């Protein structure tokens, strides 16, 4: 029994020699972390150099798509892409902001990196739904009421906006309450609601007050629209009324549930 006890004690002493198991595990993990860190350093340096230091991934060209009135050259000039700089460092958000500020005709733009050497600019231009004559020129107004460009020649197929505000007390009150900009937006809403067949032949949208908007067609016929409210109902009423009274010269859909036509 005594000999057996002495042997067991020797084994326990031998087992307890060296660092504890938990300490050895920590050291092993530390070695792994150090090795991984060194690997990342050696792999990361070439990657950093590739993107920022080499000449292989630099901005060298700018491509433009989506232009209709603007030219690609105009867009490239306004974009001010820093050619020659590392492509990864080019601030695409700043390019988009710069283009919208310098070229109001642009409704939206998406600047993206085109590896390995390009910046691609995808442009969407504003579309005029009305024009306002100003002197000998024409101001284009889009579907949000934004006056975005002044041109010397009126675009074809775009009706003119006439703000012929009367001197009546209701018109004056309307102007004070809504302001000219709001009345322009109301005219835009009407222009967008007009049936396509009628819109193609609309020459003028006249605004006398908030609830007195009318259309003058290219063939001389007129449409009393009223306010911009209930546009879909008014469009359906106008389509039905024109079919029922093809010879009429004036149509009134200001109250879409009771449309009327007159003249011949």
C-alpha atoms as a PDB file:
ATOM      1  CA  UNK A   1       0.000   0.000   0.000  1.00  0.00           C
ATOM      2  CA  UNK A   2       2.824   2.358   0.870  1.00  0.00           C
ATOM      3  CA  UNK A   3       4.672   1.632  -2.395  1.00  0.00           C
ATOM      4  CA  UNK A   4       1.524   2.162  -4.370  1.00  0.00           C
ATOM      5  CA  UNK A   5       0.927   5.460  -2.684  1.00  0.00           C
ATOM      6  CA  UNK A   6       4.427   6.667  -3.465  1.00  0.00           C
ATOM      7  CA  UNK A   7       4.019   5.803  -7.174  1.00  0.00           C
ATOM      8  CA  UNK A   8       0.717   7.617  -7.395  1.00  0.00           C
ATOM      9  CA  UNK A   9       2.267  10.662  -5.789  1.00  0.00           C
ATOM     10  CA  UNK A  10       5.056  10.596  -8.375  1.00  0.00           C
ATOM     11  CA  UNK A  11       2.581  10.441 -11.228  1.00  0.00           C
ATOM     12  CA  UNK A  12       0.569  13.340  -9.842  1.00  0.00           C
ATOM     13  CA  UNK A  13       3.756  15.371  -9.440  1.00  0.00           C
ATOM     14  CA  UNK A  14       4.769  14.584 -13.022  1.00  0.00           C
ATOM     15  CA  UNK A  15       1.317  15.576 -14.310  1.00  0.00           C
ATOM     16  CA  UNK A  16       1.390  18.885 -12.436  1.00  0.00           C
ATOM     17  CA  UNK A  17       4.785  19.913 -13.836  1.00  0.00           C
ATOM     18  CA  UNK A  18       4.756  22.648 -16.557  1.00  0.00           C
ATOM     19  CA  UNK A  19       2.217  25.461 -17.139  1.00  0.00           C
ATOM     20  CA  UNK A  20      -1.405  24.850 -16.306  1.00  0.00           C
ATOM     21  CA  UNK A  21      -3.627  23.653 -19.170  1.00  0.00           C
ATOM     22  CA  UNK A  22      -5.552  26.973 -19.345  1.00  0.00           C
ATOM     23  CA  UNK A  23      -2.305  28.966 -19.670  1.00  0.00           C
ATOM     24  CA  UNK A  24      -1.050  26.709 -22.443  1.00  0.00           C
ATOM     25  CA  UNK A  25      -4.336  27.200 -24.311  1.00  0.00           C
ATOM     26  CA  UNK A  26      -4.051  30.986 -24.057  1.00  0.00           C
ATOM     27  CA  UNK A  27      -0.506  30.895 -25.374  1.00  0.00           C
ATOM     28  CA  UNK A  28      -1.600  28.749 -28.297  1.00  0.00           C
ATOM     29  CA  UNK A  29      -4.373  31.194 -29.174  1.00  0.00           C
ATOM     30  CA  UNK A  30      -1.939  34.095 -28.926  1.00  0.00           C
ATOM     31  CA  UNK A  31       0.448  32.401 -31.340  1.00  0.00           C
ATOM     32  CA  UNK A  32      -2.389  31.847 -33.800  1.00  0.00           C
ATOM     33  CA  UNK A  33      -3.436  35.515 -33.540  1.00  0.00           C
ATOM     34  CA  UNK A  34       0.121  36.701 -34.124  1.00  0.00           C
ATOM     35  CA  UNK A  35       0.533  34.431 -37.130  1.00  0.00           C
ATOM     36  CA  UNK A  36      -2.791  35.581 -38.619  1.00  0.00           C
ATOM     37  CA  UNK A  37      -1.818  39.190 -38.007  1.00  0.00           C
ATOM     38  CA  UNK A  38       1.458  38.745 -39.853  1.00  0.00           C
ATOM     39  CA  UNK A  39      -0.343  37.046 -42.747  1.00  0.00           C
ATOM     40  CA  UNK A  40      -2.835  39.913 -42.984  1.00  0.00           C
ATOM     41  CA  UNK A  41      -0.030  42.475 -42.931  1.00  0.00           C
ATOM     42  CA  UNK A  42       1.813  40.738 -45.750  1.00  0.00           C
ATOM     43  CA  UNK A  43      -1.385  40.256 -47.741  1.00  0.00           C
ATOM     44  CA  UNK A  44      -2.814  43.690 -46.930  1.00  0.00           C
ATOM     45  CA  UNK A  45       0.186  45.747 -47.997  1.00  0.00           C
ATOM     46  CA  UNK A  46       0.018  44.625 -51.654  1.00  0.00           C
ATOM     47  CA  UNK A  47      -3.750  45.198 -51.637  1.00  0.00           C
ATOM     48  CA  UNK A  48      -3.392  48.736 -50.299  1.00  0.00           C
ATOM     49  CA  UNK A  49      -0.646  49.434 -52.814  1.00  0.00           C
ATOM     50  CA  UNK A  50      -2.761  48.006 -55.642  1.00  0.00           C
ATOM     51  CA  UNK A  51      -5.731  50.277 -54.946  1.00  0.00           C
ATOM     52  CA  UNK A  52      -3.933  53.454 -53.866  1.00  0.00           C
ATOM     53  CA  UNK A  53      -0.339  53.323 -55.037  1.00  0.00           C
ATOM     54  CA  UNK A  54      -0.279  51.554 -58.364  1.00  0.00           C
ATOM     55  CA  UNK A  55      -1.130  52.978 -61.781  1.00  0.00           C
ATOM     56  CA  UNK A  56      -3.341  50.017 -62.625  1.00  0.00           C
ATOM     57  CA  UNK A  57      -6.565  51.184 -60.914  1.00  0.00           C
ATOM     58  CA  UNK A  58      -6.713  54.899 -61.601  1.00  0.00           C
ATOM     59  CA  UNK A  59      -9.521  57.037 -63.045  1.00  0.00           C
ATOM     60  CA  UNK A  60      -8.701  57.540 -66.709  1.00  0.00           C
ATOM     61  CA  UNK A  61     -12.011  57.889 -68.549  1.00  0.00           C
ATOM     62  CA  UNK A  62     -15.603  59.045 -67.973  1.00  0.00           C
ATOM     63  CA  UNK A  63     -18.545  57.561 -69.879  1.00  0.00           C
ATOM     64  CA  UNK A  64     -21.984  59.212 -70.008  1.00  0.00           C
ATOM     65  CA  UNK A  65     -25.367  57.675 -70.834  1.00  0.00           C
ATOM     66  CA  UNK A  66     -28.983  58.853 -70.796  1.00  0.00           C
ATOM     67  CA  UNK A  67     -28.545  62.371 -72.194  1.00  0.00           C
ATOM     68  CA  UNK A  68     -31.150  63.777 -74.579  1.00  0.00           C
ATOM     69  CA  UNK A  69     -30.702  67.553 -74.689  1.00  0.00           C
ATOM     70  CA  UNK A  70     -27.414  67.766 -72.819  1.00  0.00           C
ATOM     71  CA  UNK A  71     -24.286  66.472 -74.517  1.00  0.00           C
ATOM     72  CA  UNK A  72     -21.923  63.936 -72.932  1.00  0.00           C
ATOM     73  CA  UNK A  73     -19.189  66.575 -73.128  1.00  0.00           C
ATOM     74  CA  UNK A  74     -21.275  69.005 -71.041  1.00  0.00           C
ATOM     75  CA  UNK A  75     -21.850  66.337 -68.407  1.00  0.00           C
ATOM     76  CA  UNK A  76     -18.188  65.330 -68.259  1.00  0.00           C
ATOM     77  CA  UNK A  77     -17.087  68.944 -67.885  1.00  0.00           C
ATOM     78  CA  UNK A  78     -19.575  69.649 -65.081  1.00  0.00           C
ATOM     79  CA  UNK A  79     -18.721  66.380 -63.300  1.00  0.00           C
ATOM     80  CA  UNK A  80     -15.074  67.396 -62.781  1.00  0.00           C
ATOM     81  CA  UNK A  81     -13.948  63.816 -62.256  1.00  0.00           C
ATOM     82  CA  UNK A  82     -10.384  63.905 -60.869  1.00  0.00           C
ATOM     83  CA  UNK A  83      -8.642  61.925 -63.607  1.00  0.00           C
ATOM     84  CA  UNK A  84      -5.377  60.329 -62.643  1.00  0.00           C
ATOM     85  CA  UNK A  85      -6.365  59.723 -59.040  1.00  0.00           C
ATOM     86  CA  UNK A  86      -6.904  56.254 -57.560  1.00  0.00           C
ATOM     87  CA  UNK A  87     -10.313  55.060 -58.698  1.00  0.00           C
ATOM     88  CA  UNK A  88     -11.232  53.896 -55.197  1.00  0.00           C
ATOM     89  CA  UNK A  89     -10.712  57.412 -53.795  1.00  0.00           C
ATOM     90  CA  UNK A  90     -13.010  59.194 -56.274  1.00  0.00           C
ATOM     91  CA  UNK A  91     -15.984  60.668 -54.373  1.00  0.00           C
ATOM     92  CA  UNK A  92     -18.979  59.597 -56.459  1.00  0.00           C
ATOM     93  CA  UNK A  93     -21.474  61.322 -54.127  1.00  0.00           C
ATOM     94  CA  UNK A  94     -19.695  64.648 -54.665  1.00  0.00           C
ATOM     95  CA  UNK A  95     -19.833  64.129 -58.431  1.00  0.00           C
ATOM     96  CA  UNK A  96     -23.603  63.553 -58.315  1.00  0.00           C
ATOM     97  CA  UNK A  97     -24.150  66.645 -56.155  1.00  0.00           C
ATOM     98  CA  UNK A  98     -21.992  68.755 -58.444  1.00  0.00           C
ATOM     99  CA  UNK A  99     -23.868  67.658 -61.565  1.00  0.00           C
ATOM    100  CA  UNK A 100     -27.310  68.392 -60.108  1.00  0.00           C
ATOM    101  CA  UNK A 101     -26.118  71.823 -58.988  1.00  0.00           C
ATOM    102  CA  UNK A 102     -24.428  72.825 -62.232  1.00  0.00           C
ATOM    103  CA  UNK A 103     -26.911  71.269 -64.648  1.00  0.00           C
ATOM    104  CA  UNK A 104     -30.497  71.785 -63.376  1.00  0.00           C
ATOM    105  CA  UNK A 105     -31.762  69.888 -66.409  1.00  0.00           C
ATOM    106  CA  UNK A 106     -30.543  66.726 -64.697  1.00  0.00           C
ATOM    107  CA  UNK A 107     -33.299  65.144 -62.610  1.00  0.00           C
ATOM    108  CA  UNK A 108     -31.150  62.314 -61.260  1.00  0.00           C
ATOM    109  CA  UNK A 109     -27.676  60.918 -61.847  1.00  0.00           C
ATOM    110  CA  UNK A 110     -25.864  57.807 -60.723  1.00  0.00           C
ATOM    111  CA  UNK A 111     -22.059  57.929 -60.654  1.00  0.00           C
ATOM    112  CA  UNK A 112     -20.472  54.494 -60.382  1.00  0.00           C
ATOM    113  CA  UNK A 113     -16.935  53.148 -60.622  1.00  0.00           C
ATOM    114  CA  UNK A 114     -16.283  51.039 -63.703  1.00  0.00           C
ATOM    115  CA  UNK A 115     -13.191  49.011 -62.879  1.00  0.00           C
ATOM    116  CA  UNK A 116     -10.373  49.168 -63.656  1.00  0.00           C
ATOM    117  CA  UNK A 117     -10.167  52.715 -65.068  1.00  0.00           C
ATOM    118  CA  UNK A 118     -13.586  54.320 -65.524  1.00  0.00           C
ATOM    119  CA  UNK A 119     -16.341  56.395 -63.964  1.00  0.00           C
ATOM    120  CA  UNK A 120     -19.780  55.805 -65.473  1.00  0.00           C
ATOM    121  CA  UNK A 121     -22.417  58.556 -65.248  1.00  0.00           C
ATOM    122  CA  UNK A 122     -26.038  57.484 -65.776  1.00  0.00           C
ATOM    123  CA  UNK A 123     -28.140  60.610 -66.322  1.00  0.00           C
ATOM    124  CA  UNK A 124     -31.910  61.120 -66.304  1.00  0.00           C
ATOM    125  CA  UNK A 125     -32.960  64.505 -67.674  1.00  0.00           C
ATOM    126  CA  UNK A 126     -36.062  66.421 -66.667  1.00  0.00           C
ATOM    127  CA  UNK A 127     -38.913  66.399 -69.172  1.00  0.00           C
ATOM    128  CA  UNK A 128     -40.849  69.634 -69.749  1.00  0.00           C
ATOM    129  CA  UNK A 129     -44.610  69.399 -69.354  1.00  0.00           C
ATOM    130  CA  UNK A 130     -45.191  73.163 -69.700  1.00  0.00           C
ATOM    131  CA  UNK A 131     -43.280  76.153 -71.007  1.00  0.00           C
ATOM    132  CA  UNK A 132     -43.487  79.767 -69.858  1.00  0.00           C
ATOM    133  CA  UNK A 133     -42.652  82.478 -72.354  1.00  0.00           C
ATOM    134  CA  UNK A 134     -40.264  85.062 -70.957  1.00  0.00           C
ATOM    135  CA  UNK A 135     -39.296  87.776 -73.367  1.00  0.00           C
ATOM    136  CA  UNK A 136     -38.134  86.047 -76.512  1.00  0.00           C
ATOM    137  CA  UNK A 137     -37.206  82.859 -74.698  1.00  0.00           C
ATOM    138  CA  UNK A 138     -39.017  79.937 -73.084  1.00  0.00           C
ATOM    139  CA  UNK A 139     -38.675  78.541 -69.563  1.00  0.00           C
ATOM    140  CA  UNK A 140     -39.195  74.780 -69.292  1.00  0.00           C
ATOM    141  CA  UNK A 141     -41.216  73.461 -66.337  1.00  0.00           C
ATOM    142  CA  UNK A 142     -41.109  69.781 -65.345  1.00  0.00           C
ATOM    143  CA  UNK A 143     -43.757  67.530 -63.782  1.00  0.00           C
ATOM    144  CA  UNK A 144     -42.848  68.765 -60.284  1.00  0.00           C
ATOM    145  CA  UNK A 145     -43.253  72.424 -61.195  1.00  0.00           C
ATOM    146  CA  UNK A 146     -39.489  73.013 -61.312  1.00  0.00           C
ATOM    147  CA  UNK A 147     -38.358  75.640 -63.788  1.00  0.00           C
ATOM    148  CA  UNK A 148     -35.150  74.014 -64.889  1.00  0.00           C
ATOM    149  CA  UNK A 149     -34.005  75.537 -68.195  1.00  0.00           C
ATOM    150  CA  UNK A 150     -34.413  78.542 -70.482  1.00  0.00           C
ATOM    151  CA  UNK A 151     -34.301  77.841 -74.208  1.00  0.00           C
ATOM    152  CA  UNK A 152     -34.509  80.046 -77.273  1.00  0.00           C
ATOM    153  CA  UNK A 153     -36.925  77.747 -79.106  1.00  0.00           C
ATOM    154  CA  UNK A 154     -40.050  76.181 -77.632  1.00  0.00           C
ATOM    155  CA  UNK A 155     -39.922  72.370 -77.539  1.00  0.00           C
ATOM    156  CA  UNK A 156     -42.482  70.763 -79.814  1.00  0.00           C
ATOM    157  CA  UNK A 157     -45.618  69.292 -78.298  1.00  0.00           C
ATOM    158  CA  UNK A 158     -45.253  71.088 -74.954  1.00  0.00           C
ATOM    159  CA  UNK A 159     -48.158  73.426 -74.087  1.00  0.00           C
ATOM    160  CA  UNK A 160     -47.539  76.991 -72.987  1.00  0.00           C
ATOM    161  CA  UNK A 161     -48.530  78.157 -69.519  1.00  0.00           C
ATOM    162  CA  UNK A 162     -50.343  81.472 -69.287  1.00  0.00           C
ATOM    163  CA  UNK A 163     -50.849  83.050 -65.878  1.00  0.00           C
ATOM    164  CA  UNK A 164     -53.669  85.409 -66.769  1.00  0.00           C
ATOM    165  CA  UNK A 165     -54.691  86.253 -63.224  1.00  0.00           C
ATOM    166  CA  UNK A 166     -57.838  88.338 -63.334  1.00  0.00           C
ATOM    167  CA  UNK A 167     -58.432  91.385 -61.176  1.00  0.00           C
ATOM    168  CA  UNK A 168     -61.457  89.830 -59.505  1.00  0.00           C
ATOM    169  CA  UNK A 169     -61.479  89.594 -55.748  1.00  0.00           C
ATOM    170  CA  UNK A 170     -61.453  85.761 -55.871  1.00  0.00           C
ATOM    171  CA  UNK A 171     -58.404  85.682 -58.158  1.00  0.00           C
ATOM    172  CA  UNK A 172     -56.548  88.179 -55.996  1.00  0.00           C
ATOM    173  CA  UNK A 173     -57.373  86.148 -52.901  1.00  0.00           C
ATOM    174  CA  UNK A 174     -56.212  82.990 -54.657  1.00  0.00           C
ATOM    175  CA  UNK A 175     -52.883  84.586 -55.548  1.00  0.00           C
ATOM    176  CA  UNK A 176     -52.357  85.868 -52.009  1.00  0.00           C
ATOM    177  CA  UNK A 177     -53.223  82.506 -50.482  1.00  0.00           C
ATOM    178  CA  UNK A 178     -51.301  80.162 -52.794  1.00  0.00           C
ATOM    179  CA  UNK A 179     -48.668  82.314 -54.499  1.00  0.00           C
ATOM    180  CA  UNK A 180     -47.581  82.147 -58.104  1.00  0.00           C
ATOM    181  CA  UNK A 181     -45.350  79.089 -57.634  1.00  0.00           C
ATOM    182  CA  UNK A 182     -48.239  77.065 -56.230  1.00  0.00           C
ATOM    183  CA  UNK A 183     -50.481  78.082 -59.112  1.00  0.00           C
ATOM    184  CA  UNK A 184     -47.791  76.945 -61.548  1.00  0.00           C
ATOM    185  CA  UNK A 185     -47.677  73.557 -59.819  1.00  0.00           C
ATOM    186  CA  UNK A 186     -51.476  73.315 -60.035  1.00  0.00           C
ATOM    187  CA  UNK A 187     -51.226  73.904 -63.772  1.00  0.00           C
ATOM    188  CA  UNK A 188     -48.642  71.126 -63.969  1.00  0.00           C
ATOM    189  CA  UNK A 189     -51.019  68.759 -62.176  1.00  0.00           C
ATOM    190  CA  UNK A 190     -53.741  69.586 -64.695  1.00  0.00           C
ATOM    191  CA  UNK A 191     -51.384  69.103 -67.661  1.00  0.00           C
ATOM    192  CA  UNK A 192     -50.491  65.640 -66.358  1.00  0.00           C
ATOM    193  CA  UNK A 193     -54.132  64.670 -65.804  1.00  0.00           C
ATOM    194  CA  UNK A 194     -55.378  65.620 -69.281  1.00  0.00           C
ATOM    195  CA  UNK A 195     -56.137  62.541 -71.437  1.00  0.00           C
ATOM    196  CA  UNK A 196     -53.262  61.657 -73.768  1.00  0.00           C
ATOM    197  CA  UNK A 197     -55.336  62.223 -76.901  1.00  0.00           C
ATOM    198  CA  UNK A 198     -56.181  65.744 -75.704  1.00  0.00           C
ATOM    199  CA  UNK A 199     -52.725  66.484 -74.308  1.00  0.00           C
ATOM    200  CA  UNK A 200     -51.129  66.029 -77.724  1.00  0.00           C
ATOM    201  CA  UNK A 201     -53.372  68.777 -79.071  1.00  0.00           C
ATOM    202  CA  UNK A 202     -53.183  71.159 -76.114  1.00  0.00           C
ATOM    203  CA  UNK A 203     -51.620  74.476 -77.035  1.00  0.00           C
ATOM    204  CA  UNK A 204     -52.105  76.491 -73.827  1.00  0.00           C
ATOM    205  CA  UNK A 205     -52.916  75.943 -70.167  1.00  0.00           C
ATOM    206  CA  UNK A 206     -54.422  79.122 -68.753  1.00  0.00           C
ATOM    207  CA  UNK A 207     -54.536  79.866 -65.024  1.00  0.00           C
ATOM    208  CA  UNK A 208     -56.836  82.646 -63.832  1.00  0.00           C
ATOM    209  CA  UNK A 209     -57.036  81.455 -60.235  1.00  0.00           C
ATOM    210  CA  UNK A 210     -56.643  78.279 -58.190  1.00  0.00           C
ATOM    211  CA  UNK A 211     -60.046  76.946 -59.245  1.00  0.00           C
ATOM    212  CA  UNK A 212     -60.178  78.487 -62.727  1.00  0.00           C
ATOM    213  CA  UNK A 213     -57.795  76.614 -65.006  1.00  0.00           C
ATOM    214  CA  UNK A 214     -58.631  76.010 -68.651  1.00  0.00           C
ATOM    215  CA  UNK A 215     -57.118  74.499 -71.789  1.00  0.00           C
ATOM    216  CA  UNK A 216     -56.889  75.887 -75.280  1.00  0.00           C
ATOM    217  CA  UNK A 217     -56.469  73.243 -77.957  1.00  0.00           C
ATOM    218  CA  UNK A 218     -54.584  73.643 -81.230  1.00  0.00           C
ATOM    219  CA  UNK A 219     -57.820  73.483 -83.255  1.00  0.00           C
ATOM    220  CA  UNK A 220     -59.361  76.364 -81.291  1.00  0.00           C
ATOM    221  CA  UNK A 221     -61.541  74.309 -78.937  1.00  0.00           C
ATOM    222  CA  UNK A 222     -61.434  75.090 -75.225  1.00  0.00           C
ATOM    223  CA  UNK A 223     -61.834  73.082 -72.029  1.00  0.00           C
ATOM    224  CA  UNK A 224     -62.917  74.490 -68.677  1.00  0.00           C
ATOM    225  CA  UNK A 225     -61.096  72.330 -66.123  1.00  0.00           C
ATOM    226  CA  UNK A 226     -61.607  74.242 -62.890  1.00  0.00           C
ATOM    227  CA  UNK A 227     -59.145  73.309 -60.125  1.00  0.00           C
ATOM    228  CA  UNK A 228     -56.612  70.493 -60.302  1.00  0.00           C
ATOM    229  CA  UNK A 229     -58.716  68.342 -57.972  1.00  0.00           C
ATOM    230  CA  UNK A 230     -60.425  65.148 -59.205  1.00  0.00           C
ATOM    231  CA  UNK A 231     -58.215  65.043 -62.262  1.00  0.00           C
ATOM    232  CA  UNK A 232     -58.899  61.396 -63.118  1.00  0.00           C
ATOM    233  CA  UNK A 233     -62.668  61.921 -62.986  1.00  0.00           C
ATOM    234  CA  UNK A 234     -62.398  65.045 -65.147  1.00  0.00           C
ATOM    235  CA  UNK A 235     -60.245  63.211 -67.679  1.00  0.00           C
ATOM    236  CA  UNK A 236     -62.849  60.437 -68.022  1.00  0.00           C
ATOM    237  CA  UNK A 237     -65.666  62.963 -68.276  1.00  0.00           C
ATOM    238  CA  UNK A 238     -63.818  64.930 -70.977  1.00  0.00           C
ATOM    239  CA  UNK A 239     -63.128  61.820 -73.046  1.00  0.00           C
ATOM    240  CA  UNK A 240     -66.791  60.783 -72.916  1.00  0.00           C
ATOM    241  CA  UNK A 241     -68.009  64.330 -73.611  1.00  0.00           C
ATOM    242  CA  UNK A 242     -65.821  64.739 -76.685  1.00  0.00           C
ATOM    243  CA  UNK A 243     -67.078  61.447 -78.089  1.00  0.00           C
ATOM    244  CA  UNK A 244     -70.697  62.399 -77.418  1.00  0.00           C
ATOM    245  CA  UNK A 245     -70.351  65.944 -78.836  1.00  0.00           C
ATOM    246  CA  UNK A 246     -67.640  65.833 -81.537  1.00  0.00           C
ATOM    247  CA  UNK A 247     -68.792  69.130 -83.041  1.00  0.00           C
ATOM    248  CA  UNK A 248     -68.722  71.142 -79.813  1.00  0.00           C
ATOM    249  CA  UNK A 249     -66.242  73.983 -79.410  1.00  0.00           C
ATOM    250  CA  UNK A 250     -66.225  74.283 -75.632  1.00  0.00           C
ATOM    251  CA  UNK A 251     -66.231  71.617 -72.953  1.00  0.00           C
ATOM    252  CA  UNK A 252     -66.641  72.132 -69.227  1.00  0.00           C
ATOM    253  CA  UNK A 253     -65.601  69.405 -66.807  1.00  0.00           C
ATOM    254  CA  UNK A 254     -65.026  71.605 -63.753  1.00  0.00           C
ATOM    255  CA  UNK A 255     -67.816  69.573 -62.136  1.00  0.00           C
ATOM    256  CA  UNK A 256     -67.059  66.082 -63.506  1.00  0.00           C
ATOM    257  CA  UNK A 257     -70.399  64.659 -62.410  1.00  0.00           C
ATOM    258  CA  UNK A 258     -72.185  67.262 -64.546  1.00  0.00           C
ATOM    259  CA  UNK A 259     -69.999  67.914 -67.630  1.00  0.00           C
ATOM    260  CA  UNK A 260     -71.301  70.219 -70.353  1.00  0.00           C
ATOM    261  CA  UNK A 261     -70.464  71.173 -73.918  1.00  0.00           C
ATOM    262  CA  UNK A 262     -71.487  74.073 -76.120  1.00  0.00           C
ATOM    263  CA  UNK A 263     -70.913  75.654 -79.534  1.00  0.00           C
ATOM    264  CA  UNK A 264     -70.680  73.956 -82.891  1.00  0.00           C
END
